């Protein structure tokens, strides 16, 4: 299992990694809720078509610096962010609980 860490090394959440075309396409589809976080890599945008719950999304660059945070209700599309390399998805409210803001540095640990 992997973990999502902040720049101080504190664990924010357990982390699933979707780094194949099939796993990125599946994402959080078909789930009623989600605990932890999902890293989609590569990804410059996300959508919530077919999802039944609102999610928080952090779009990050290659170094895992947060570029943009957005809360996305079902049946919506997040416009691509030019410098984004990956997206972190979590249940709505997670990013605020984790006290994330653009510019924050994240890390993945196994």
PDB file of N, CA and C in Angstrom:
ATOM      1  N   UNK A   1       0.836  -1.179   0.000  1.00  0.00           N
ATOM      2  CA  UNK A   1       0.000   0.000   0.000  1.00  0.00           C
ATOM      3  C   UNK A   1       0.883   1.245   0.000  1.00  0.00           C
ATOM      4  N   UNK A   2       0.405   2.257  -0.680  1.00  0.00           N
ATOM      5  CA  UNK A   2       1.122   3.527  -0.734  1.00  0.00           C
ATOM      6  C   UNK A   2       0.426   4.548   0.151  1.00  0.00           C
ATOM      7  N   UNK A   3       1.154   5.639   0.420  1.00  0.00           N
ATOM      8  CA  UNK A   3       0.642   6.703   1.284  1.00  0.00           C
ATOM      9  C   UNK A   3       0.871   8.049   0.631  1.00  0.00           C
ATOM     10  N   UNK A   4      -0.058   8.970   0.852  1.00  0.00           N
ATOM     11  CA  UNK A   4       0.095  10.349   0.417  1.00  0.00           C
ATOM     12  C   UNK A   4       0.598  11.149   1.599  1.00  0.00           C
ATOM     13  N   UNK A   5       1.739  11.835   1.414  1.00  0.00           N
ATOM     14  CA  UNK A   5       2.369  12.592   2.495  1.00  0.00           C
ATOM     15  C   UNK A   5       2.410  14.073   2.141  1.00  0.00           C
ATOM     16  N   UNK A   6       2.392  14.926   3.167  1.00  0.00           N
ATOM     17  CA  UNK A   6       2.604  16.359   2.929  1.00  0.00           C
ATOM     18  C   UNK A   6       4.095  16.645   2.980  1.00  0.00           C
ATOM     19  N   UNK A   7       4.477  17.916   2.835  1.00  0.00           N
ATOM     20  CA  UNK A   7       5.907  18.276   2.780  1.00  0.00           C
ATOM     21  C   UNK A   7       6.625  18.098   4.103  1.00  0.00           C
ATOM     22  N   UNK A   8       5.866  17.895   5.187  1.00  0.00           N
ATOM     23  CA  UNK A   8       6.479  17.636   6.492  1.00  0.00           C
ATOM     24  C   UNK A   8       6.627  16.147   6.764  1.00  0.00           C
ATOM     25  N   UNK A   9       6.179  15.311   5.813  1.00  0.00           N
ATOM     26  CA  UNK A   9       6.280  13.864   5.968  1.00  0.00           C
ATOM     27  C   UNK A   9       5.118  13.241   6.710  1.00  0.00           C
ATOM     28  N   UNK A  10       4.094  14.028   7.026  1.00  0.00           N
ATOM     29  CA  UNK A  10       2.916  13.488   7.712  1.00  0.00           C
ATOM     30  C   UNK A  10       2.010  12.789   6.707  1.00  0.00           C
ATOM     31  N   UNK A  11       1.456  11.653   7.116  1.00  0.00           N
ATOM     32  CA  UNK A  11       0.550  10.891   6.256  1.00  0.00           C
ATOM     33  C   UNK A  11      -0.794  11.606   6.175  1.00  0.00           C
ATOM     34  N   UNK A  12      -1.230  11.877   4.956  1.00  0.00           N
ATOM     35  CA  UNK A  12      -2.538  12.483   4.735  1.00  0.00           C
ATOM     36  C   UNK A  12      -3.594  11.413   4.505  1.00  0.00           C
ATOM     37  N   UNK A  13      -3.235  10.354   3.738  1.00  0.00           N
ATOM     38  CA  UNK A  13      -4.214   9.322   3.391  1.00  0.00           C
ATOM     39  C   UNK A  13      -3.526   8.103   2.803  1.00  0.00           C
ATOM     40  N   UNK A  14      -4.220   6.971   2.849  1.00  0.00           N
ATOM     41  CA  UNK A  14      -3.772   5.816   2.076  1.00  0.00           C
ATOM     42  C   UNK A  14      -3.984   6.174   0.608  1.00  0.00           C
ATOM     43  N   UNK A  15      -3.193   5.583  -0.268  1.00  0.00           N
ATOM     44  CA  UNK A  15      -3.187   6.018  -1.664  1.00  0.00           C
ATOM     45  C   UNK A  15      -3.236   4.830  -2.606  1.00  0.00           C
ATOM     46  N   UNK A  16      -4.223   4.851  -3.499  1.00  0.00           N
ATOM     47  CA  UNK A  16      -4.262   3.923  -4.622  1.00  0.00           C
ATOM     48  C   UNK A  16      -3.637   4.652  -5.800  1.00  0.00           C
ATOM     49  N   UNK A  17      -2.898   3.918  -6.621  1.00  0.00           N
ATOM     50  CA  UNK A  17      -2.260   4.530  -7.776  1.00  0.00           C
ATOM     51  C   UNK A  17      -2.832   3.926  -9.052  1.00  0.00           C
ATOM     52  N   UNK A  18      -3.336   4.782  -9.921  1.00  0.00           N
ATOM     53  CA  UNK A  18      -3.854   4.374 -11.229  1.00  0.00           C
ATOM     54  C   UNK A  18      -2.897   4.912 -12.273  1.00  0.00           C
ATOM     55  N   UNK A  19      -2.003   4.042 -12.758  1.00  0.00           N
ATOM     56  CA  UNK A  19      -0.996   4.499 -13.714  1.00  0.00           C
ATOM     57  C   UNK A  19      -1.012   3.705 -15.013  1.00  0.00           C
ATOM     58  N   UNK A  20      -2.075   2.936 -15.236  1.00  0.00           N
ATOM     59  CA  UNK A  20      -2.279   2.283 -16.529  1.00  0.00           C
ATOM     60  C   UNK A  20      -3.515   2.907 -17.171  1.00  0.00           C
ATOM     61  N   UNK A  21      -3.624   2.762 -18.459  1.00  0.00           N
ATOM     62  CA  UNK A  21      -4.779   3.338 -19.160  1.00  0.00           C
ATOM     63  C   UNK A  21      -6.086   2.793 -18.588  1.00  0.00           C
ATOM     64  N   UNK A  22      -6.151   1.494 -18.349  1.00  0.00           N
ATOM     65  CA  UNK A  22      -7.374   0.879 -17.826  1.00  0.00           C
ATOM     66  C   UNK A  22      -7.690   1.364 -16.415  1.00  0.00           C
ATOM     67  N   UNK A  23      -6.692   1.438 -15.555  1.00  0.00           N
ATOM     68  CA  UNK A  23      -6.952   1.862 -14.170  1.00  0.00           C
ATOM     69  C   UNK A  23      -7.302   3.346 -14.099  1.00  0.00           C
ATOM     70  N   UNK A  24      -6.711   4.177 -14.964  1.00  0.00           N
ATOM     71  CA  UNK A  24      -7.080   5.595 -14.999  1.00  0.00           C
ATOM     72  C   UNK A  24      -8.499   5.771 -15.513  1.00  0.00           C
ATOM     73  N   UNK A  25      -8.875   4.986 -16.530  1.00  0.00           N
ATOM     74  CA  UNK A  25     -10.219   5.078 -17.097  1.00  0.00           C
ATOM     75  C   UNK A  25     -11.269   4.671 -16.063  1.00  0.00           C
ATOM     76  N   UNK A  26     -10.961   3.646 -15.285  1.00  0.00           N
ATOM     77  CA  UNK A  26     -11.885   3.166 -14.252  1.00  0.00           C
ATOM     78  C   UNK A  26     -11.963   4.160 -13.100  1.00  0.00           C
ATOM     79  N   UNK A  27     -10.820   4.675 -12.640  1.00  0.00           N
ATOM     80  CA  UNK A  27     -10.785   5.674 -11.566  1.00  0.00           C
ATOM     81  C   UNK A  27     -11.679   5.310 -10.400  1.00  0.00           C
ATOM     82  N   UNK A  28     -12.565   6.207 -10.026  1.00  0.00           N
ATOM     83  CA  UNK A  28     -13.491   5.979  -8.915  1.00  0.00           C
ATOM     84  C   UNK A  28     -14.884   5.569  -9.400  1.00  0.00           C
ATOM     85  N   UNK A  29     -15.033   5.288 -10.691  1.00  0.00           N
ATOM     86  CA  UNK A  29     -16.334   4.903 -11.225  1.00  0.00           C
ATOM     87  C   UNK A  29     -16.849   3.632 -10.556  1.00  0.00           C
ATOM     88  N   UNK A  30     -18.130   3.613 -10.300  1.00  0.00           N
ATOM     89  CA  UNK A  30     -18.757   2.438  -9.713  1.00  0.00           C
ATOM     90  C   UNK A  30     -18.665   2.353  -8.198  1.00  0.00           C
ATOM     91  N   UNK A  31     -18.072   3.334  -7.575  1.00  0.00           N
ATOM     92  CA  UNK A  31     -17.960   3.342  -6.111  1.00  0.00           C
ATOM     93  C   UNK A  31     -18.988   4.302  -5.535  1.00  0.00           C
ATOM     94  N   UNK A  32     -19.506   3.960  -4.356  1.00  0.00           N
ATOM     95  CA  UNK A  32     -20.473   4.828  -3.681  1.00  0.00           C
ATOM     96  C   UNK A  32     -19.785   5.879  -2.826  1.00  0.00           C
ATOM     97  N   UNK A  33     -18.589   5.587  -2.378  1.00  0.00           N
ATOM     98  CA  UNK A  33     -17.780   6.512  -1.591  1.00  0.00           C
ATOM     99  C   UNK A  33     -16.336   6.052  -1.709  1.00  0.00           C
ATOM    100  N   UNK A  34     -15.447   6.770  -1.076  1.00  0.00           N
ATOM    101  CA  UNK A  34     -14.039   6.416  -1.196  1.00  0.00           C
ATOM    102  C   UNK A  34     -13.288   6.980  -0.006  1.00  0.00           C
ATOM    103  N   UNK A  35     -12.559   6.116   0.671  1.00  0.00           N
ATOM    104  CA  UNK A  35     -11.694   6.565   1.760  1.00  0.00           C
ATOM    105  C   UNK A  35     -10.266   6.542   1.250  1.00  0.00           C
ATOM    106  N   UNK A  36      -9.513   7.545   1.592  1.00  0.00           N
ATOM    107  CA  UNK A  36      -8.151   7.642   1.105  1.00  0.00           C
ATOM    108  C   UNK A  36      -8.092   8.547  -0.099  1.00  0.00           C
ATOM    109  N   UNK A  37      -7.143   8.250  -0.990  1.00  0.00           N
ATOM    110  CA  UNK A  37      -6.944   9.078  -2.174  1.00  0.00           C
ATOM    111  C   UNK A  37      -6.563   8.186  -3.345  1.00  0.00           C
ATOM    112  N   UNK A  38      -6.819   8.694  -4.534  1.00  0.00           N
ATOM    113  CA  UNK A  38      -6.470   7.993  -5.765  1.00  0.00           C
ATOM    114  C   UNK A  38      -5.578   8.909  -6.584  1.00  0.00           C
ATOM    115  N   UNK A  39      -4.405   8.422  -6.966  1.00  0.00           N
ATOM    116  CA  UNK A  39      -3.469   9.170  -7.806  1.00  0.00           C
ATOM    117  C   UNK A  39      -3.614   8.685  -9.235  1.00  0.00           C
ATOM    118  N   UNK A  40      -3.997   9.583 -10.127  1.00  0.00           N
ATOM    119  CA  UNK A  40      -4.091   9.295 -11.558  1.00  0.00           C
ATOM    120  C   UNK A  40      -2.859   9.886 -12.224  1.00  0.00           C
ATOM    121  N   UNK A  41      -2.077   9.009 -12.865  1.00  0.00           N
ATOM    122  CA  UNK A  41      -0.810   9.473 -13.429  1.00  0.00           C
ATOM    123  C   UNK A  41      -0.554   8.783 -14.757  1.00  0.00           C
ATOM    124  N   UNK A  42      -0.438   9.490 -15.870  1.00  0.00           N
ATOM    125  CA  UNK A  42      -0.546  10.934 -16.033  1.00  0.00           C
ATOM    126  C   UNK A  42      -2.007  11.373 -16.167  1.00  0.00           C
ATOM    127  N   UNK A  43      -2.268  12.617 -15.835  1.00  0.00           N
ATOM    128  CA  UNK A  43      -3.606  13.207 -15.974  1.00  0.00           C
ATOM    129  C   UNK A  43      -3.484  14.722 -15.877  1.00  0.00           C
ATOM    130  N   UNK A  44      -4.088  15.419 -16.847  1.00  0.00           N
ATOM    131  CA  UNK A  44      -4.104  16.891 -16.821  1.00  0.00           C
ATOM    132  C   UNK A  44      -5.474  17.418 -16.442  1.00  0.00           C
ATOM    133  N   UNK A  45      -6.485  16.525 -16.460  1.00  0.00           N
ATOM    134  CA  UNK A  45      -7.843  16.891 -16.078  1.00  0.00           C
ATOM    135  C   UNK A  45      -8.560  15.624 -15.650  1.00  0.00           C
ATOM    136  N   UNK A  46      -9.752  15.772 -15.083  1.00  0.00           N
ATOM    137  CA  UNK A  46     -10.574  14.624 -14.690  1.00  0.00           C
ATOM    138  C   UNK A  46     -12.036  14.952 -14.996  1.00  0.00           C
ATOM    139  N   UNK A  47     -12.867  13.922 -14.925  1.00  0.00           N
ATOM    140  CA  UNK A  47     -14.314  14.118 -15.069  1.00  0.00           C
ATOM    141  C   UNK A  47     -15.020  13.261 -14.021  1.00  0.00           C
ATOM    142  N   UNK A  48     -16.270  13.595 -13.780  1.00  0.00           N
ATOM    143  CA  UNK A  48     -17.063  12.822 -12.819  1.00  0.00           C
ATOM    144  C   UNK A  48     -18.321  12.256 -13.473  1.00  0.00           C
ATOM    145  N   UNK A  49     -18.308  12.070 -14.785  1.00  0.00           N
ATOM    146  CA  UNK A  49     -19.432  11.443 -15.470  1.00  0.00           C
ATOM    147  C   UNK A  49     -19.532   9.993 -15.002  1.00  0.00           C
ATOM    148  N   UNK A  50     -20.716   9.584 -14.587  1.00  0.00           N
ATOM    149  CA  UNK A  50     -20.918   8.227 -14.102  1.00  0.00           C
ATOM    150  C   UNK A  50     -20.645   8.061 -12.612  1.00  0.00           C
ATOM    151  N   UNK A  51     -20.260   9.124 -11.933  1.00  0.00           N
ATOM    152  CA  UNK A  51     -19.988   9.039 -10.499  1.00  0.00           C
ATOM    153  C   UNK A  51     -21.204   9.507  -9.715  1.00  0.00           C
ATOM    154  N   UNK A  52     -21.362   8.973  -8.515  1.00  0.00           N
ATOM    155  CA  UNK A  52     -22.518   9.307  -7.699  1.00  0.00           C
ATOM    156  C   UNK A  52     -22.208  10.200  -6.524  1.00  0.00           C
ATOM    157  N   UNK A  53     -20.986  10.700  -6.416  1.00  0.00           N
ATOM    158  CA  UNK A  53     -20.645  11.560  -5.286  1.00  0.00           C
ATOM    159  C   UNK A  53     -19.645  12.624  -5.713  1.00  0.00           C
ATOM    160  N   UNK A  54     -19.601  13.697  -4.957  1.00  0.00           N
ATOM    161  CA  UNK A  54     -18.704  14.819  -5.220  1.00  0.00           C
ATOM    162  C   UNK A  54     -17.297  14.478  -4.738  1.00  0.00           C
ATOM    163  N   UNK A  55     -16.290  14.910  -5.493  1.00  0.00           N
ATOM    164  CA  UNK A  55     -14.897  14.657  -5.113  1.00  0.00           C
ATOM    165  C   UNK A  55     -14.101  15.957  -5.081  1.00  0.00           C
ATOM    166  N   UNK A  56     -13.010  15.917  -4.340  1.00  0.00           N
ATOM    167  CA  UNK A  56     -11.988  16.958  -4.382  1.00  0.00           C
ATOM    168  C   UNK A  56     -10.885  16.468  -5.307  1.00  0.00           C
ATOM    169  N   UNK A  57     -10.307  17.386  -6.062  1.00  0.00           N
ATOM    170  CA  UNK A  57      -9.221  17.043  -6.982  1.00  0.00           C
ATOM    171  C   UNK A  57      -8.077  18.032  -6.781  1.00  0.00           C
ATOM    172  N   UNK A  58      -6.869  17.499  -6.672  1.00  0.00           N
ATOM    173  CA  UNK A  58      -5.654  18.309  -6.674  1.00  0.00           C
ATOM    174  C   UNK A  58      -4.896  17.963  -7.945  1.00  0.00           C
ATOM    175  N   UNK A  59      -4.715  18.937  -8.811  1.00  0.00           N
ATOM    176  CA  UNK A  59      -3.898  18.745 -10.010  1.00  0.00           C
ATOM    177  C   UNK A  59      -2.484  19.190  -9.667  1.00  0.00           C
ATOM    178  N   UNK A  60      -1.522  18.306  -9.939  1.00  0.00           N
ATOM    179  CA  UNK A  60      -0.136  18.526  -9.510  1.00  0.00           C
ATOM    180  C   UNK A  60       0.819  18.431 -10.698  1.00  0.00           C
ATOM    181  N   UNK A  61       1.987  19.046 -10.548  1.00  0.00           N
ATOM    182  CA  UNK A  61       3.016  18.953 -11.585  1.00  0.00           C
ATOM    183  C   UNK A  61       3.840  17.678 -11.382  1.00  0.00           C
ATOM    184  N   UNK A  62       4.872  17.501 -12.177  1.00  0.00           N
ATOM    185  CA  UNK A  62       5.701  16.278 -12.098  1.00  0.00           C
ATOM    186  C   UNK A  62       6.377  16.108 -10.745  1.00  0.00           C
ATOM    187  N   UNK A  63       6.616  17.207 -10.037  1.00  0.00           N
ATOM    188  CA  UNK A  63       7.271  17.144  -8.725  1.00  0.00           C
ATOM    189  C   UNK A  63       6.264  17.026  -7.586  1.00  0.00           C
ATOM    190  N   UNK A  64       4.977  16.841  -7.928  1.00  0.00           N
ATOM    191  CA  UNK A  64       3.888  16.704  -6.954  1.00  0.00           C
ATOM    192  C   UNK A  64       3.597  18.005  -6.206  1.00  0.00           C
ATOM    193  N   UNK A  65       3.892  19.132  -6.821  1.00  0.00           N
ATOM    194  CA  UNK A  65       3.485  20.425  -6.263  1.00  0.00           C
ATOM    195  C   UNK A  65       2.049  20.676  -6.715  1.00  0.00           C
ATOM    196  N   UNK A  66       1.197  21.083  -5.797  1.00  0.00           N
ATOM    197  CA  UNK A  66      -0.213  21.319  -6.108  1.00  0.00           C
ATOM    198  C   UNK A  66      -0.338  22.582  -6.957  1.00  0.00           C
ATOM    199  N   UNK A  67      -0.962  22.429  -8.126  1.00  0.00           N
ATOM    200  CA  UNK A  67      -1.187  23.561  -9.029  1.00  0.00           C
ATOM    201  C   UNK A  67      -2.585  24.139  -8.860  1.00  0.00           C
ATOM    202  N   UNK A  68      -3.559  23.252  -8.684  1.00  0.00           N
ATOM    203  CA  UNK A  68      -4.952  23.687  -8.616  1.00  0.00           C
ATOM    204  C   UNK A  68      -5.751  22.709  -7.768  1.00  0.00           C
ATOM    205  N   UNK A  69      -6.658  23.240  -6.960  1.00  0.00           N
ATOM    206  CA  UNK A  69      -7.593  22.434  -6.171  1.00  0.00           C
ATOM    207  C   UNK A  69      -9.001  22.763  -6.627  1.00  0.00           C
ATOM    208  N   UNK A  70      -9.827  21.753  -6.756  1.00  0.00           N
ATOM    209  CA  UNK A  70     -11.205  21.969  -7.181  1.00  0.00           C
ATOM    210  C   UNK A  70     -12.103  20.886  -6.588  1.00  0.00           C
ATOM    211  N   UNK A  71     -13.320  21.278  -6.233  1.00  0.00           N
ATOM    212  CA  UNK A  71     -14.344  20.330  -5.799  1.00  0.00           C
ATOM    213  C   UNK A  71     -15.263  20.108  -6.992  1.00  0.00           C
ATOM    214  N   UNK A  72     -15.478  18.838  -7.333  1.00  0.00           N
ATOM    215  CA  UNK A  72     -16.184  18.505  -8.563  1.00  0.00           C
ATOM    216  C   UNK A  72     -17.415  17.647  -8.266  1.00  0.00           C
ATOM    217  N   UNK A  73     -18.620  18.185  -8.503  1.00  0.00           N
ATOM    218  CA  UNK A  73     -19.828  17.386  -8.328  1.00  0.00           C
ATOM    219  C   UNK A  73     -19.968  16.366  -9.464  1.00  0.00           C
ATOM    220  N   UNK A  74     -20.872  15.397  -9.318  1.00  0.00           N
ATOM    221  CA  UNK A  74     -21.079  14.409 -10.389  1.00  0.00           C
ATOM    222  C   UNK A  74     -21.451  15.075 -11.716  1.00  0.00           C
ATOM    223  N   UNK A  75     -21.069  14.397 -12.784  1.00  0.00           N
ATOM    224  CA  UNK A  75     -21.399  14.816 -14.154  1.00  0.00           C
ATOM    225  C   UNK A  75     -20.748  16.135 -14.561  1.00  0.00           C
ATOM    226  N   UNK A  76     -19.509  16.318 -14.165  1.00  0.00           N
ATOM    227  CA  UNK A  76     -18.779  17.543 -14.519  1.00  0.00           C
ATOM    228  C   UNK A  76     -17.397  17.182 -15.093  1.00  0.00           C
ATOM    229  N   UNK A  77     -16.800  18.161 -15.759  1.00  0.00           N
ATOM    230  CA  UNK A  77     -15.475  18.016 -16.348  1.00  0.00           C
ATOM    231  C   UNK A  77     -14.588  19.134 -15.824  1.00  0.00           C
ATOM    232  N   UNK A  78     -13.374  18.791 -15.412  1.00  0.00           N
ATOM    233  CA  UNK A  78     -12.384  19.782 -14.998  1.00  0.00           C
ATOM    234  C   UNK A  78     -11.538  20.096 -16.230  1.00  0.00           C
ATOM    235  N   UNK A  79     -11.454  21.362 -16.580  1.00  0.00           N
ATOM    236  CA  UNK A  79     -10.650  21.745 -17.734  1.00  0.00           C
ATOM    237  C   UNK A  79      -9.185  21.398 -17.495  1.00  0.00           C
ATOM    238  N   UNK A  80      -8.468  21.010 -18.548  1.00  0.00           N
ATOM    239  CA  UNK A  80      -7.051  20.652 -18.398  1.00  0.00           C
ATOM    240  C   UNK A  80      -6.214  21.816 -17.858  1.00  0.00           C
ATOM    241  N   UNK A  81      -5.227  21.476 -17.055  1.00  0.00           N
ATOM    242  CA  UNK A  81      -4.255  22.438 -16.533  1.00  0.00           C
ATOM    243  C   UNK A  81      -2.934  22.146 -17.248  1.00  0.00           C
ATOM    244  N   UNK A  82      -2.415  23.141 -17.935  1.00  0.00           N
ATOM    245  CA  UNK A  82      -1.277  22.956 -18.839  1.00  0.00           C
ATOM    246  C   UNK A  82      -0.077  22.261 -18.190  1.00  0.00           C
ATOM    247  N   UNK A  83       0.332  22.666 -17.012  1.00  0.00           N
ATOM    248  CA  UNK A  83       1.538  22.095 -16.392  1.00  0.00           C
ATOM    249  C   UNK A  83       1.257  20.861 -15.546  1.00  0.00           C
ATOM    250  N   UNK A  84      -0.005  20.452 -15.464  1.00  0.00           N
ATOM    251  CA  UNK A  84      -0.359  19.303 -14.624  1.00  0.00           C
ATOM    252  C   UNK A  84       0.179  18.010 -15.224  1.00  0.00           C
ATOM    253  N   UNK A  85       0.631  17.132 -14.348  1.00  0.00           N
ATOM    254  CA  UNK A  85       1.102  15.812 -14.742  1.00  0.00           C
ATOM    255  C   UNK A  85       0.253  14.721 -14.100  1.00  0.00           C
ATOM    256  N   UNK A  86      -0.337  15.015 -12.943  1.00  0.00           N
ATOM    257  CA  UNK A  86      -1.123  14.001 -12.256  1.00  0.00           C
ATOM    258  C   UNK A  86      -2.269  14.657 -11.496  1.00  0.00           C
ATOM    259  N   UNK A  87      -3.232  13.819 -11.124  1.00  0.00           N
ATOM    260  CA  UNK A  87      -4.389  14.283 -10.362  1.00  0.00           C
ATOM    261  C   UNK A  87      -4.569  13.382  -9.150  1.00  0.00           C
ATOM    262  N   UNK A  88      -4.904  13.990  -8.038  1.00  0.00           N
ATOM    263  CA  UNK A  88      -5.222  13.240  -6.824  1.00  0.00           C
ATOM    264  C   UNK A  88      -6.690  13.475  -6.534  1.00  0.00           C
ATOM    265  N   UNK A  89      -7.449  12.387  -6.455  1.00  0.00           N
ATOM    266  CA  UNK A  89      -8.880  12.461  -6.174  1.00  0.00           C
ATOM    267  C   UNK A  89      -9.150  11.921  -4.776  1.00  0.00           C
ATOM    268  N   UNK A  90     -10.109  12.550  -4.101  1.00  0.00           N
ATOM    269  CA  UNK A  90     -10.527  12.111  -2.767  1.00  0.00           C
ATOM    270  C   UNK A  90     -11.957  12.593  -2.542  1.00  0.00           C
ATOM    271  N   UNK A  91     -12.617  12.056  -1.519  1.00  0.00           N
ATOM    272  CA  UNK A  91     -13.968  12.502  -1.215  1.00  0.00           C
ATOM    273  C   UNK A  91     -13.976  13.997  -0.924  1.00  0.00           C
ATOM    274  N   UNK A  92     -15.086  14.639  -1.265  1.00  0.00           N
ATOM    275  CA  UNK A  92     -15.233  16.078  -1.028  1.00  0.00           C
ATOM    276  C   UNK A  92     -14.968  16.393   0.439  1.00  0.00           C
ATOM    277  N   UNK A  93     -14.226  17.449   0.661  1.00  0.00           N
ATOM    278  CA  UNK A  93     -13.866  17.878   2.009  1.00  0.00           C
ATOM    279  C   UNK A  93     -12.494  17.409   2.445  1.00  0.00           C
ATOM    280  N   UNK A  94     -11.932  16.438   1.732  1.00  0.00           N
ATOM    281  CA  UNK A  94     -10.623  15.883   2.116  1.00  0.00           C
ATOM    282  C   UNK A  94      -9.502  16.904   2.005  1.00  0.00           C
ATOM    283  N   UNK A  95      -9.472  17.659   0.924  1.00  0.00           N
ATOM    284  CA  UNK A  95      -8.376  18.615   0.716  1.00  0.00           C
ATOM    285  C   UNK A  95      -8.387  19.694   1.804  1.00  0.00           C
ATOM    286  N   UNK A  96      -9.568  20.126   2.214  1.00  0.00           N
ATOM    287  CA  UNK A  96      -9.667  21.111   3.298  1.00  0.00           C
ATOM    288  C   UNK A  96      -9.207  20.491   4.617  1.00  0.00           C
ATOM    289  N   UNK A  97      -9.605  19.249   4.876  1.00  0.00           N
ATOM    290  CA  UNK A  97      -9.169  18.558   6.102  1.00  0.00           C
ATOM    291  C   UNK A  97      -7.662  18.401   6.140  1.00  0.00           C
ATOM    292  N   UNK A  98      -7.078  18.174   4.963  1.00  0.00           N
ATOM    293  CA  UNK A  98      -5.625  18.018   4.867  1.00  0.00           C
ATOM    294  C   UNK A  98      -4.917  19.367   4.810  1.00  0.00           C
ATOM    295  N   UNK A  99      -5.690  20.450   4.781  1.00  0.00           N
ATOM    296  CA  UNK A  99      -5.146  21.805   4.763  1.00  0.00           C
ATOM    297  C   UNK A  99      -4.261  22.061   3.536  1.00  0.00           C
ATOM    298  N   UNK A 100      -4.682  21.537   2.379  1.00  0.00           N
ATOM    299  CA  UNK A 100      -3.915  21.725   1.152  1.00  0.00           C
ATOM    300  C   UNK A 100      -4.269  23.040   0.475  1.00  0.00           C
ATOM    301  N   UNK A 101      -3.299  23.616  -0.195  1.00  0.00           N
ATOM    302  CA  UNK A 101      -3.525  24.812  -1.004  1.00  0.00           C
ATOM    303  C   UNK A 101      -2.523  24.771  -2.170  1.00  0.00           C
ATOM    304  N   UNK A 102      -2.806  25.511  -3.243  1.00  0.00           N
ATOM    305  CA  UNK A 102      -1.858  25.550  -4.350  1.00  0.00           C
ATOM    306  C   UNK A 102      -0.467  25.952  -3.874  1.00  0.00           C
ATOM    307  N   UNK A 103       0.528  25.276  -4.416  1.00  0.00           N
ATOM    308  CA  UNK A 103       1.902  25.511  -4.018  1.00  0.00           C
ATOM    309  C   UNK A 103       2.424  24.490  -3.022  1.00  0.00           C
ATOM    310  N   UNK A 104       1.515  23.793  -2.324  1.00  0.00           N
ATOM    311  CA  UNK A 104       1.952  22.773  -1.373  1.00  0.00           C
ATOM    312  C   UNK A 104       2.648  21.628  -2.101  1.00  0.00           C
ATOM    313  N   UNK A 105       3.617  21.034  -1.434  1.00  0.00           N
ATOM    314  CA  UNK A 105       4.380  19.932  -1.991  1.00  0.00           C
ATOM    315  C   UNK A 105       3.876  18.623  -1.372  1.00  0.00           C
ATOM    316  N   UNK A 106       3.574  17.639  -2.229  1.00  0.00           N
ATOM    317  CA  UNK A 106       3.122  16.329  -1.768  1.00  0.00           C
ATOM    318  C   UNK A 106       4.162  15.276  -2.130  1.00  0.00           C
ATOM    319  N   UNK A 107       4.013  14.100  -1.531  1.00  0.00           N
ATOM    320  CA  UNK A 107       4.940  13.017  -1.760  1.00  0.00           C
ATOM    321  C   UNK A 107       4.190  11.693  -1.686  1.00  0.00           C
ATOM    322  N   UNK A 108       4.657  10.711  -2.450  1.00  0.00           N
ATOM    323  CA  UNK A 108       4.094   9.366  -2.405  1.00  0.00           C
ATOM    324  C   UNK A 108       5.135   8.456  -1.761  1.00  0.00           C
ATOM    325  N   UNK A 109       4.681   7.671  -0.799  1.00  0.00           N
ATOM    326  CA  UNK A 109       5.565   6.747  -0.105  1.00  0.00           C
ATOM    327  C   UNK A 109       4.956   5.354  -0.148  1.00  0.00           C
ATOM    328  N   UNK A 110       5.805   4.364  -0.340  1.00  0.00           N
ATOM    329  CA  UNK A 110       5.312   2.976  -0.368  1.00  0.00           C
ATOM    330  C   UNK A 110       5.419   2.317   0.988  1.00  0.00           C
TER     331      UNK A 110
END
